Amino acid sequence: MKITEPPRTGGQRKRELLDRLDREVDIWVATADREGLPCLVALWFVWDGEHLWLSTRLTNPTGRNLREGGLARLAFGDTRDVVLVDGEVETYTREEVPEGAASAFLAKTGWDPGRDSASYAYFRVRPVAVQAWREEHELPRRHLMRDGVWVV
């Protein structure tokens, strides 16, 4: 395999990441339980400019892990266009979720988790680390955010 494209700048990768956060609907969500058993699922999400909002049942493994562990790793892409987001999670019941977040979720996905079942909750993920790269030649400058602060 040959790498034919020059590496993107950090600014280019950040712009492309923010565009993806606005237009993509699905994101991979990785969590772990107290014993370290991993769980990986794809969920719909909404980006509000600062946080990613997810929704799933409080009673399934992902919901329990998000609520109890308070951490998640989110991912887009394949092995040639990777985005990883590590974040801190806050849980909101359907009664507690801010109206703006619930409305944005409904507008983007066409689904209102609060009307579906009482067991659904919303999870707000605050990014603390973001990496993005295409191919090996972008690995050295893959970090776009560290400790919750954009570095590009």
Foldseek 3Di string as FASTA:
>chain_A
DDDDDDWDDLVVLVVVVVVCLQQPFKKWKWFADPVGHIDIDIFGWHDPPFWIKTKDFCPDPVNVRCDVVQWIWIWDDDQQKIKIFIWGKDKAFLVGDPPVRQVRNCVNPVDRVNVVDRRMIMMITGTAWMFIGGDDNCVVVGTQHHRSHGPD
